[in-house]
């Protein structure tokens, strides 16, 4: 059965509201009071896309999603095609107090282990949100991309805790940077998130056949999970089980 949702708010609390002159069913959303006509084919496509994106967040490969949904693998691949996403800094509400960030990089690969892609992540310790993200090698250049991905205000006042990797010392302002060892516990939250990231993204699980074959898709699926992770924190006001 098609999961019919409001095009404006996504609610399923819809009521029939007559038909158009061409015979299309008109719907009224009780949640946001939006009136629209129902395109069955579009509703089917929207539901397929919603289901595929939901399963992609549950550590399933494209072939597994195809088996569960009954769609072809090519259809699943088309629904998971990368699309432009706004910078993370534009999707979060800046913290009013001084942000305390934990920063780390995670190793991954695309197609083969010779093609490394390092994932640089900045986590806000007070809320556990991800506030910065960059993909590339393990050089200072990628570290600079991570720094520039932070909200502008954070670059002026945040305190950043990292390990002793040289790229951090070369890029992060000395008055904002603290190099610490794991035994201090200052980077424990970002280390825990790295484990969550590997457990929830099939293309990051070591020794798996679900590894990425395309760099853009690799980045898109990781960013998709991070956006989902941040939204759940915003919605519940705390870190739910992920």
Protein backbone atom coordinates (compact mmCIF):
# COMPACT_ATOMS: atom_id res chain seq x y z
CA UNK A 1 0.00 0.00 0.00
CA UNK A 2 1.30 3.47 -0.86
CA UNK A 3 2.32 5.56 2.15
CA UNK A 4 0.66 8.81 1.05
CA UNK A 5 2.27 11.83 2.66
CA UNK A 6 1.71 15.56 2.57
CA UNK A 7 4.02 17.25 0.08
CA UNK A 8 4.55 20.16 2.46
CA UNK A 9 5.10 18.62 5.90
CA UNK A 10 5.34 14.86 5.25
CA UNK A 11 2.40 14.01 7.52
CA UNK A 12 0.23 10.94 6.81
CA UNK A 13 -2.82 12.55 8.47
CA UNK A 14 -4.61 13.22 5.14
CA UNK A 15 -8.29 13.32 4.23
CA UNK A 16 -9.94 13.03 0.83
CA UNK A 17 -11.31 16.33 -0.41
CA UNK A 18 -13.14 15.65 -3.68
CA UNK A 19 -11.63 15.44 -7.16
CA UNK A 20 -10.25 17.82 -9.74
CA UNK A 21 -11.92 18.35 -13.13
CA UNK A 22 -9.51 15.78 -14.58
CA UNK A 23 -10.49 13.19 -11.97
CA UNK A 24 -7.42 13.39 -9.70
CA UNK A 25 -8.06 12.85 -6.02
CA UNK A 26 -7.71 16.01 -3.93
CA UNK A 27 -6.27 15.73 -0.41
CA UNK A 28 -6.35 17.90 2.71
CA UNK A 29 -3.54 17.66 5.30
CA UNK A 30 -4.92 17.94 8.84
CA UNK A 31 -1.43 18.61 10.17
CA UNK A 32 -0.50 21.75 8.20
CA UNK A 33 -3.85 22.54 6.51
CA UNK A 34 -2.34 22.12 3.03
CA UNK A 35 -4.58 21.28 0.07
CA UNK A 36 -3.21 19.38 -2.92
CA UNK A 37 -4.14 16.88 -5.61
CA UNK A 38 -2.83 13.32 -5.48
CA UNK A 39 -0.63 11.96 -8.24
CA UNK A 40 -0.58 8.18 -7.66
CA UNK A 41 2.57 7.60 -9.70
CA UNK A 42 4.38 10.43 -7.94
CA UNK A 43 3.18 9.11 -4.57
CA UNK A 44 4.60 5.69 -5.47
CA UNK A 45 7.94 7.21 -6.44
CA UNK A 46 8.06 9.31 -3.26
CA UNK A 47 7.32 6.25 -1.11
CA UNK A 48 9.97 4.18 -2.89
CA UNK A 49 12.52 6.95 -2.35
CA UNK A 50 11.60 7.31 1.33
CA UNK A 51 11.87 3.54 1.91
CA UNK A 52 15.19 3.22 0.07
CA UNK A 53 16.71 6.17 1.97
CA UNK A 54 15.49 4.70 5.28
CA UNK A 55 17.05 1.32 4.52
CA UNK A 56 20.28 2.97 3.39
CA UNK A 57 20.55 4.41 6.91
CA UNK A 58 20.30 0.90 8.37
CA UNK A 59 23.67 -0.38 7.13
CA UNK A 60 22.24 -2.19 4.11
CA UNK A 61 23.97 -2.50 0.76
CA UNK A 62 22.23 -1.64 -2.50
CA UNK A 63 21.69 -5.34 -3.28
CA UNK A 64 20.13 -5.92 0.16
CA UNK A 65 17.81 -2.93 -0.32
CA UNK A 66 16.81 -4.29 -3.74
CA UNK A 67 15.97 -7.71 -2.24
CA UNK A 68 13.86 -6.20 0.56
CA UNK A 69 11.93 -3.70 -1.56
CA UNK A 70 11.58 -5.84 -4.68
CA UNK A 71 13.07 -3.04 -6.78
CA UNK A 72 15.83 -3.64 -9.28
CA UNK A 73 19.37 -2.78 -8.21
CA UNK A 74 19.53 -0.14 -10.93
CA UNK A 75 16.38 1.52 -9.53
CA UNK A 76 17.87 1.49 -6.03
CA UNK A 77 21.11 2.95 -7.38
CA UNK A 78 19.19 5.72 -9.17
CA UNK A 79 17.27 6.60 -6.00
CA UNK A 80 20.54 6.80 -4.06
CA UNK A 81 22.25 9.04 -6.60
CA UNK A 82 24.16 11.86 -4.88
CA UNK A 83 22.42 15.22 -4.85
CA UNK A 84 23.62 18.67 -3.74
CA UNK A 85 23.37 19.15 0.02
CA UNK A 86 23.84 22.39 1.97
CA UNK A 87 26.98 22.74 4.10
CA UNK A 88 26.58 21.26 7.57
CA UNK A 89 27.15 24.72 9.06
CA UNK A 90 23.89 25.85 7.45
CA UNK A 91 21.87 22.93 8.87
CA UNK A 92 22.57 23.46 12.58
CA UNK A 93 21.73 26.12 15.14
CA UNK A 94 24.97 27.58 16.55
CA UNK A 95 25.57 27.03 20.25
CA UNK A 96 25.32 30.18 22.38
CA UNK A 97 27.95 29.11 24.88
CA UNK A 98 31.59 28.58 23.87
CA UNK A 99 31.68 25.40 21.71
CA UNK A 100 34.04 22.63 22.77
CA UNK A 101 34.95 20.52 19.74
CA UNK A 102 36.60 17.13 19.42
CA UNK A 103 38.17 16.51 16.01
CA UNK A 104 39.42 13.29 14.46
CA UNK A 105 39.90 11.60 11.10
CA UNK A 106 38.63 8.17 10.00
CA UNK A 107 40.23 5.98 7.34
CA UNK A 108 38.14 4.56 4.50
CA UNK A 109 38.61 3.56 0.88
CA UNK A 110 36.77 3.59 -2.43
CA UNK A 111 36.97 0.70 -4.92
CA UNK A 112 40.27 -0.59 -3.51
CA UNK A 113 42.42 0.03 -0.48
CA UNK A 114 44.97 1.93 -2.53
CA UNK A 115 42.38 4.69 -3.04
CA UNK A 116 42.14 6.05 0.49
CA UNK A 117 39.51 8.57 1.55
CA UNK A 118 39.97 10.09 4.99
CA UNK A 119 36.84 11.40 6.72
CA UNK A 120 37.56 14.40 8.94
CA UNK A 121 34.87 15.08 11.54
CA UNK A 122 34.35 17.82 14.13
CA UNK A 123 31.97 16.92 16.98
CA UNK A 124 30.47 19.43 19.41
CA UNK A 125 30.91 17.88 22.83
CA UNK A 126 28.06 19.73 24.57
CA UNK A 127 25.38 18.42 22.17
CA UNK A 128 27.22 15.55 20.35
CA UNK A 129 26.27 17.14 17.00
CA UNK A 130 28.57 16.97 14.01
CA UNK A 131 29.42 20.57 13.08
CA UNK A 132 32.22 20.09 10.54
CA UNK A 133 33.05 17.54 7.83
CA UNK A 134 35.66 17.10 5.10
CA UNK A 135 36.81 14.31 2.77
CA UNK A 136 40.27 13.87 1.28
CA UNK A 137 43.72 12.69 2.21
CA UNK A 138 45.37 13.02 5.61
CA UNK A 139 47.17 16.25 4.78
CA UNK A 140 46.95 19.75 6.18
CA UNK A 141 45.00 20.78 3.07
CA UNK A 142 42.06 18.53 4.03
CA UNK A 143 42.36 19.67 7.63
CA UNK A 144 41.99 23.22 6.34
CA UNK A 145 38.81 22.18 4.50
CA UNK A 146 37.45 20.80 7.78
CA UNK A 147 38.28 24.04 9.59
CA UNK A 148 36.55 26.09 6.88
CA UNK A 149 33.46 23.82 7.07
CA UNK A 150 32.80 24.93 10.65
CA UNK A 151 30.26 27.74 11.26
CA UNK A 152 32.12 31.08 10.97
CA UNK A 153 31.35 31.94 14.58
CA UNK A 154 32.87 28.66 15.76
CA UNK A 155 36.17 29.48 14.05
CA UNK A 156 36.36 32.58 16.24
CA UNK A 157 35.59 31.11 19.66
CA UNK A 158 35.57 27.29 19.72
CA UNK A 159 38.14 25.24 21.64
CA UNK A 160 39.32 22.22 19.60
CA UNK A 161 40.72 19.01 21.09
CA UNK A 162 42.66 16.67 18.79
CA UNK A 163 45.36 14.03 18.89
CA UNK A 164 48.98 14.86 18.03
CA UNK A 165 48.68 14.56 14.22
CA UNK A 166 50.87 17.28 12.67
CA UNK A 167 48.17 18.60 10.30
CA UNK A 168 46.15 19.91 13.25
CA UNK A 169 49.03 21.95 14.58
CA UNK A 170 49.68 23.36 11.10
CA UNK A 171 46.07 24.51 10.51
CA UNK A 172 44.21 25.13 13.78
CA UNK A 173 44.93 28.45 15.54
CA UNK A 174 47.21 27.84 18.51
CA UNK A 175 44.94 29.73 20.92
CA UNK A 176 41.99 27.50 19.93
CA UNK A 177 43.84 24.16 19.73
CA UNK A 178 44.58 21.58 22.41
CA UNK A 179 46.62 18.46 21.52
CA UNK A 180 45.84 15.62 23.96
CA UNK A 181 46.27 11.88 24.31
CA UNK A 182 43.44 9.37 24.42
CA UNK A 183 44.09 8.72 28.10
CA UNK A 184 42.81 12.23 28.94
CA UNK A 185 39.29 11.38 27.76
CA UNK A 186 39.00 14.73 25.96
CA UNK A 187 38.45 13.00 22.59
CA UNK A 188 36.34 10.11 23.89
CA UNK A 189 33.12 11.38 22.29
CA UNK A 190 34.58 11.66 18.79
CA UNK A 191 36.17 8.20 19.14
CA UNK A 192 32.76 6.83 20.09
CA UNK A 193 31.16 8.54 17.12
CA UNK A 194 33.76 7.01 14.81
CA UNK A 195 32.61 3.59 15.98
CA UNK A 196 28.95 4.55 15.43
CA UNK A 197 29.80 5.75 11.93
CA UNK A 198 31.42 2.44 11.04
CA UNK A 199 28.56 0.44 12.49
CA UNK A 200 25.84 2.40 10.69
CA UNK A 201 27.46 2.89 7.25
CA UNK A 202 27.90 -0.40 5.41
CA UNK A 203 30.55 1.09 3.13
CA UNK A 204 32.77 1.75 6.18
CA UNK A 205 32.61 -1.73 7.71
CA UNK A 206 36.00 -3.38 7.39
CA UNK A 207 36.31 -6.63 5.40
CA UNK A 208 32.97 -6.23 3.64
CA UNK A 209 31.63 -6.48 0.10
CA UNK A 210 29.59 -3.31 0.67
CA UNK A 211 32.53 -0.96 0.12
CA UNK A 212 31.96 2.05 -2.13
CA UNK A 213 32.83 2.00 -5.80
CA UNK A 214 32.19 5.70 -6.38
CA UNK A 215 33.73 8.61 -4.44
CA UNK A 216 30.66 10.88 -4.70
CA UNK A 217 28.29 8.12 -3.56
CA UNK A 218 30.71 7.28 -0.73
CA UNK A 219 30.62 10.86 0.52
CA UNK A 220 26.86 11.18 0.00
CA UNK A 221 25.95 8.13 2.10
CA UNK A 222 28.19 9.27 4.96
CA UNK A 223 26.75 12.78 4.82
CA UNK A 224 23.23 11.28 4.68
CA UNK A 225 23.83 9.46 7.95
CA UNK A 226 25.38 12.51 9.62
CA UNK A 227 22.37 14.66 8.69
CA UNK A 228 20.06 11.95 10.10
CA UNK A 229 22.20 11.79 13.26
CA UNK A 230 22.06 15.58 13.77
CA UNK A 231 18.31 15.75 13.11
CA UNK A 232 17.60 13.13 15.77
CA UNK A 233 19.60 15.13 18.31
CA UNK A 234 17.75 18.33 17.35
CA UNK A 235 14.40 16.55 17.54
CA UNK A 236 14.80 14.75 20.86
CA UNK A 237 17.04 17.28 22.61
CA UNK A 238 19.46 14.49 23.59
CA UNK A 239 21.38 11.69 21.92
CA UNK A 240 18.98 8.79 21.24
CA UNK A 241 20.15 5.29 20.43
CA UNK A 242 21.55 5.24 16.89
